[in-house]
Amino acid sequence: MNDDPSKKRLGRGLAALIGEMDRPVESKNPIPLERQIPIEFISRNPRNPRRVFTDAELEDLAQSIREHGVVQPVVVRPASGASDRYELIAGERRWRAAQRAGLTTLPIIMRDVDDRVALELAIIENVQRSDLNPVEEAAGYQQLIDEHEYTQADLAQVIGKSRSHVANTLRLLKLPGNVQDMITDGSLSAGHARCLITAENPGVLAERIVREGLSVRQAEALAQSEGKGGAEPKTGKASAAEKDADTKALEKLLSDVMGMKVDINHREKGGDVRIRYASLEQLDEICRRLQN
């Protein structure tokens, strides 16, 4: 049973606090909470759960900032042991893009919160914006558990997700590093990865799932077959090995042209073509080609 009185405030939910982050708080000794400050006075939060910022997304945001400025202030707190210095709570992508755009000042909203609340706010802000990849999200949850004695029920209440979502997300941390890397770069979905948590060779199976473009259901069957002597799973669909020579040749041609993995699944009536991309840059390239 969790009797920590500091957790009782969770009843109102951090979603309410996120809504308040854009408003100054009242204080007996008010200080200007919304203002422009030199960008070099702001430092990143090393505890920020978000770790991956692609060059393409930063450049897109930097271009927008050059044209329109920073529309939404970043949220900061006073840096420990330094006057007139601030640590980011939310908005690291804006801070990075603003530097790239050549800005010398940045609008801020200051919140005087402790480490626990700062981490909570950073996680929920990123989760609500879908800015965290599943591994970053899981690491953030684990950090709250390890450092602030949260239970999975506490986390579910804080972030506004189901307890099963929290539990399933945390399970991703049981996978080896190379599989977590595949989740991070987008080549393997969290749904596929969860099928591999109890597998004996998750890395090998993950590579096969990506290589053959298997569905989550096929990945589940593959993981189950590993524990049954390696029998091939019955997927109900033609596997890559069963494709005829013409289909394979067309797949290779398209893969060479696109520079990405292309799968063609032809059936009696129609079929589908899947183009697998590993980064936002590749997705942008697909969109550009389709538009042209």
Protein backbone atom coordinates (compact mmCIF):
# COMPACT_ATOMS: atom_id res chain seq x y z
CA MET A 1 0.00 0.00 0.00
CA ASN A 2 1.36 3.43 -0.90
CA ASP A 3 0.86 5.94 1.95
CA ASP A 4 3.24 8.60 0.65
CA PRO A 5 1.27 11.87 1.19
CA SER A 6 3.10 13.49 -1.71
CA LYS A 7 1.32 11.08 -4.06
CA LYS A 8 -2.17 12.17 -2.93
CA ARG A 9 -2.03 15.13 -5.27
CA LEU A 10 -2.04 12.66 -8.14
CA GLY A 11 -5.82 12.56 -7.85
CA ARG A 12 -6.08 15.78 -9.81
CA GLY A 13 -3.72 14.38 -12.46
CA LEU A 14 -0.74 15.95 -14.12
CA ALA A 15 -2.88 16.76 -17.14
CA ALA A 16 -4.21 19.66 -15.07
CA LEU A 17 -0.67 20.78 -14.28
CA ILE A 18 0.26 20.60 -17.94
CA GLY A 19 -2.65 22.93 -18.65
CA GLU A 20 -1.35 25.30 -15.99
CA MET A 21 2.18 25.30 -17.36
CA ASP A 22 1.27 28.04 -19.83
CA ARG A 23 0.05 30.33 -17.03
CA PRO A 24 2.21 32.16 -14.46
CA VAL A 25 1.75 31.10 -10.85
CA GLU A 26 0.88 33.53 -8.08
CA SER A 27 3.62 34.22 -5.56
CA LYS A 28 4.17 36.46 -2.55
CA ASN A 29 7.35 37.60 -4.27
CA PRO A 30 6.33 37.60 -7.91
CA ILE A 31 9.02 37.51 -10.57
CA PRO A 32 8.49 37.85 -14.31
CA LEU A 33 7.68 34.27 -15.31
CA GLU A 34 6.98 34.91 -18.99
CA ARG A 35 9.84 36.72 -20.62
CA GLN A 36 12.61 36.55 -23.19
CA ILE A 37 16.00 35.47 -21.89
CA PRO A 38 19.35 34.83 -23.60
CA ILE A 39 19.26 31.36 -25.07
CA GLU A 40 22.67 30.52 -23.59
CA PHE A 41 21.16 30.92 -20.10
CA ILE A 42 19.11 27.77 -20.73
CA SER A 43 20.56 24.26 -20.47
CA ARG A 44 18.99 20.93 -21.39
CA ASN A 45 17.66 18.66 -18.69
CA PRO A 46 19.86 15.53 -18.62
CA ARG A 47 16.87 13.66 -17.17
CA ASN A 48 14.62 14.48 -20.11
CA PRO A 49 13.11 11.17 -21.26
CA ARG A 50 13.31 12.21 -24.90
CA ARG A 51 16.73 11.38 -26.36
CA VAL A 52 16.21 11.21 -30.13
CA PHE A 53 15.92 14.38 -32.22
CA THR A 54 16.28 13.81 -35.95
CA ASP A 55 18.06 16.34 -38.12
CA ALA A 56 15.06 16.60 -40.46
CA GLU A 57 12.55 17.53 -37.76
CA LEU A 58 14.93 20.07 -36.22
CA GLU A 59 15.58 21.69 -39.58
CA ASP A 60 11.85 21.88 -40.37
CA LEU A 61 11.14 23.53 -37.03
CA ALA A 62 14.14 25.85 -37.40
CA GLN A 63 12.81 27.01 -40.76
CA SER A 64 9.40 27.67 -39.21
CA ILE A 65 11.06 29.63 -36.40
CA ARG A 66 13.00 31.73 -38.91
CA GLU A 67 9.72 32.68 -40.60
CA HIS A 68 7.33 32.96 -37.65
CA GLY A 69 9.43 33.00 -34.49
CA VAL A 70 8.88 30.74 -31.47
CA VAL A 71 5.11 30.48 -31.12
CA GLN A 72 5.07 28.63 -27.79
CA PRO A 73 7.49 29.41 -24.93
CA VAL A 74 9.65 26.68 -23.48
CA VAL A 75 9.04 25.69 -19.86
CA VAL A 76 12.02 25.95 -17.51
CA ARG A 77 12.90 25.88 -13.84
CA PRO A 78 15.73 27.62 -11.96
CA ALA A 79 19.00 25.73 -12.36
CA SER A 80 20.42 24.36 -9.14
CA GLY A 81 23.33 26.32 -7.73
CA ALA A 82 23.36 29.06 -10.37
CA SER A 83 21.60 32.42 -10.52
CA ASP A 84 20.00 33.56 -13.77
CA ARG A 85 20.41 30.10 -15.21
CA TYR A 86 17.56 27.78 -16.16
CA GLU A 87 17.01 24.10 -16.90
CA LEU A 88 14.48 22.91 -19.47
CA ILE A 89 11.40 21.04 -18.34
CA ALA A 90 9.58 20.98 -21.68
CA GLY A 91 10.52 22.28 -25.11
CA GLU A 92 13.99 20.89 -25.82
CA ARG A 93 13.17 20.48 -29.51
CA ARG A 94 12.16 24.17 -29.71
CA TRP A 95 15.34 25.14 -27.84
CA ARG A 96 17.54 23.13 -30.20
CA ALA A 97 15.76 24.42 -33.32
CA ALA A 98 15.90 28.01 -32.08
CA GLN A 99 19.68 27.74 -31.77
CA ARG A 100 19.84 26.30 -35.27
CA ALA A 101 17.71 29.20 -36.51
CA GLY A 102 20.18 31.69 -35.01
CA LEU A 103 17.98 33.10 -32.23
CA THR A 104 19.78 34.77 -29.34
CA THR A 105 16.80 34.91 -26.97
CA LEU A 106 13.95 32.54 -26.23
CA PRO A 107 10.54 33.07 -24.56
CA ILE A 108 10.23 31.11 -21.33
CA ILE A 109 7.67 30.22 -18.70
CA MET A 110 9.31 29.52 -15.36
CA ARG A 111 8.04 26.83 -13.00
CA ASP A 112 9.70 26.31 -9.62
CA VAL A 113 9.34 22.54 -9.21
CA ASP A 114 11.43 19.70 -7.80
CA ASP A 115 13.10 16.86 -9.69
CA ARG A 116 10.13 14.52 -9.39
CA VAL A 117 7.54 16.96 -10.73
CA ALA A 118 9.93 18.14 -13.46
CA LEU A 119 10.33 14.55 -14.66
CA GLU A 120 6.58 13.94 -14.48
CA LEU A 121 5.87 17.05 -16.52
CA ALA A 122 8.52 16.20 -19.09
CA ILE A 123 7.11 12.68 -19.55
CA ILE A 124 3.47 13.65 -19.79
CA GLU A 125 4.16 16.57 -22.12
CA ASN A 126 6.04 14.29 -24.49
CA VAL A 127 3.50 11.45 -24.19
CA GLN A 128 0.60 13.79 -24.95
CA ARG A 129 2.43 15.08 -28.02
CA SER A 130 3.50 11.55 -29.04
CA ASP A 131 7.10 12.81 -29.10
CA LEU A 132 8.62 9.84 -27.27
CA ASN A 133 9.48 6.60 -29.01
CA PRO A 134 8.34 3.52 -27.01
CA VAL A 135 11.79 2.87 -25.54
CA GLU A 136 12.15 6.47 -24.33
CA GLU A 137 8.67 6.28 -22.83
CA ALA A 138 9.53 3.05 -21.02
CA ALA A 139 12.81 4.48 -19.71
CA GLY A 140 10.98 7.53 -18.38
CA TYR A 141 8.48 5.35 -16.54
CA GLN A 142 11.28 3.23 -15.10
CA GLN A 143 13.06 6.36 -13.92
CA LEU A 144 10.01 7.45 -11.94
CA ILE A 145 9.75 3.96 -10.43
CA ASP A 146 13.45 3.75 -9.51
CA GLU A 147 13.98 7.29 -8.25
CA HIS A 148 10.58 8.23 -6.82
CA GLU A 149 9.04 4.87 -5.80
CA TYR A 150 6.10 5.05 -8.17
CA THR A 151 3.90 2.03 -8.72
CA GLN A 152 2.51 1.15 -12.13
CA ALA A 153 -0.92 2.29 -10.87
CA ASP A 154 0.56 5.68 -9.92
CA LEU A 155 2.08 6.04 -13.37
CA ALA A 156 -1.16 5.12 -15.13
CA GLN A 157 -2.97 7.84 -13.18
CA VAL A 158 -0.27 10.43 -13.80
CA ILE A 159 -0.06 9.99 -17.57
CA GLY A 160 -3.71 9.22 -18.20
CA LYS A 161 -3.05 5.77 -19.69
CA SER A 162 -4.26 2.34 -18.67
CA ARG A 163 -2.25 0.26 -16.25
CA SER A 164 -1.83 -2.40 -18.95
CA HIS A 165 -0.31 0.22 -21.27
CA VAL A 166 2.24 1.12 -18.60
CA ALA A 167 3.04 -2.55 -17.91
CA ASN A 168 3.40 -3.43 -21.61
CA THR A 169 5.59 -0.39 -22.25
CA LEU A 170 7.90 -1.22 -19.34
CA ARG A 171 8.32 -4.78 -20.65
CA LEU A 172 10.17 -3.41 -23.68
CA LEU A 173 13.15 -2.70 -21.41
CA LYS A 174 13.62 -6.47 -21.02
CA LEU A 175 14.66 -6.73 -24.67
CA PRO A 176 18.36 -6.65 -25.63
CA GLY A 177 19.91 -3.38 -26.74
CA ASN A 178 19.99 -4.18 -30.45
CA VAL A 179 16.23 -4.84 -30.47
CA GLN A 180 15.58 -1.65 -28.50
CA ASP A 181 17.63 0.20 -31.14
CA MET A 182 15.35 -1.18 -33.85
CA ILE A 183 12.32 0.14 -31.94
CA THR A 184 13.99 3.52 -31.52
CA ASP A 185 14.77 3.93 -35.22
CA GLY A 186 11.27 2.85 -36.18
CA SER A 187 12.16 -0.30 -38.10
CA LEU A 188 10.40 -2.45 -35.48
CA SER A 189 7.09 -1.49 -33.87
CA ALA A 190 6.37 -1.85 -30.16
CA GLY A 191 3.67 -4.39 -31.02
CA HIS A 192 6.16 -6.55 -32.89
CA ALA A 193 8.74 -6.15 -30.13
CA ARG A 194 6.39 -7.29 -27.37
CA CYS A 195 6.06 -10.63 -29.16
CA LEU A 196 9.78 -11.21 -28.62
CA ILE A 197 10.12 -10.49 -24.91
CA THR A 198 10.06 -14.16 -23.88
CA ALA A 199 11.83 -15.46 -27.01
CA GLU A 200 15.22 -17.16 -26.69
CA ASN A 201 16.75 -15.25 -29.61
CA PRO A 202 14.85 -11.95 -29.85
CA GLY A 203 17.57 -10.25 -31.89
CA VAL A 204 17.53 -12.89 -34.61
CA LEU A 205 13.74 -12.96 -34.75
CA ALA A 206 13.55 -9.16 -34.85
CA GLU A 207 15.84 -9.04 -37.88
CA ARG A 208 13.68 -11.62 -39.64
CA ILE A 209 10.49 -9.71 -38.84
CA VAL A 210 11.94 -6.55 -40.37
CA ARG A 211 13.52 -8.34 -43.32
CA GLU A 212 10.33 -10.19 -44.29
CA GLY A 213 7.88 -7.44 -43.31
CA LEU A 214 5.89 -9.75 -41.03
CA SER A 215 2.67 -8.59 -39.39
CA VAL A 216 2.29 -8.60 -35.60
CA ARG A 217 0.22 -11.77 -35.82
CA GLN A 218 2.90 -13.45 -37.93
CA ALA A 219 5.55 -12.27 -35.46
CA GLU A 220 3.59 -13.83 -32.61
CA ALA A 221 3.40 -17.12 -34.52
CA LEU A 222 7.13 -16.95 -35.27
CA ALA A 223 8.01 -16.39 -31.61
CA GLN A 224 5.74 -19.25 -30.54
CA SER A 225 7.24 -21.60 -33.15
CA GLU A 226 10.72 -20.97 -31.74
CA GLY A 227 9.70 -22.73 -28.56
CA LYS A 228 8.28 -25.67 -30.52
CA GLY A 229 11.41 -26.80 -32.29
CA GLY A 230 11.46 -24.03 -34.87
CA ALA A 231 8.51 -25.16 -36.99
CA GLU A 232 7.46 -22.52 -39.47
CA PRO A 233 4.39 -20.58 -38.29
CA LYS A 234 1.20 -20.95 -40.27
CA THR A 235 0.43 -17.41 -41.29
CA GLY A 236 -2.20 -18.06 -43.94
CA LYS A 237 -0.25 -15.88 -46.37
CA ALA A 238 2.46 -16.53 -48.89
CA SER A 239 5.89 -16.05 -47.39
CA ALA A 240 8.79 -14.38 -49.12
CA ALA A 241 10.14 -17.82 -50.13
CA GLU A 242 6.87 -18.74 -51.86
CA LYS A 243 6.83 -15.70 -54.15
CA ASP A 244 7.33 -16.34 -57.82
CA ALA A 245 10.42 -15.15 -59.66
CA ASP A 246 8.63 -12.26 -61.37
CA THR A 247 7.38 -10.87 -58.07
CA LYS A 248 10.86 -11.15 -56.52
CA ALA A 249 12.40 -9.43 -59.53
CA LEU A 250 9.89 -6.57 -59.28
CA GLU A 251 10.54 -6.24 -55.55
CA LYS A 252 14.28 -5.97 -56.20
CA LEU A 253 13.77 -3.40 -58.95
CA LEU A 254 11.58 -1.19 -56.77
CA SER A 255 13.89 -1.63 -53.76
CA ASP A 256 16.88 -0.53 -55.87
CA VAL A 257 14.99 2.49 -57.21
CA MET A 258 13.62 3.57 -53.81
CA GLY A 259 16.68 2.67 -51.77
CA MET A 260 14.30 1.04 -49.26
CA LYS A 261 12.86 -2.40 -48.62
CA VAL A 262 9.80 -3.04 -50.83
CA ASP A 263 7.45 -6.00 -50.32
CA ILE A 264 4.80 -7.03 -52.87
CA ASN A 265 2.05 -9.37 -51.72
CA HIS A 266 -0.03 -10.37 -54.73
CA ARG A 267 -3.24 -12.31 -54.26
CA GLU A 268 -5.93 -13.58 -56.57
CA LYS A 269 -7.83 -10.31 -56.34
CA GLY A 270 -5.44 -7.43 -55.85
CA GLY A 271 -2.70 -7.18 -53.25
CA ASP A 272 -0.53 -4.64 -51.50
CA VAL A 273 2.86 -2.99 -51.83
CA ARG A 274 4.75 -2.13 -48.64
CA ILE A 275 7.63 0.31 -48.50
CA ARG A 276 9.53 0.10 -45.22
CA TYR A 277 11.36 3.21 -44.07
CA ALA A 278 13.80 3.56 -41.18
CA SER A 279 13.79 7.32 -40.62
CA LEU A 280 11.73 10.45 -41.10
CA GLU A 281 14.08 11.47 -43.91
CA GLN A 282 13.13 8.31 -45.83
CA LEU A 283 9.43 8.96 -45.19
CA ASP A 284 9.86 12.49 -46.54
CA GLU A 285 11.50 11.03 -49.65
CA ILE A 286 8.57 8.63 -50.18
CA CYS A 287 6.08 11.50 -49.84
CA ARG A 288 8.11 13.65 -52.24
CA ARG A 289 8.16 10.93 -54.88
CA LEU A 290 4.46 10.22 -54.56
CA GLN A 291 3.61 13.91 -54.87
CA ASN A 292 5.73 14.19 -57.99
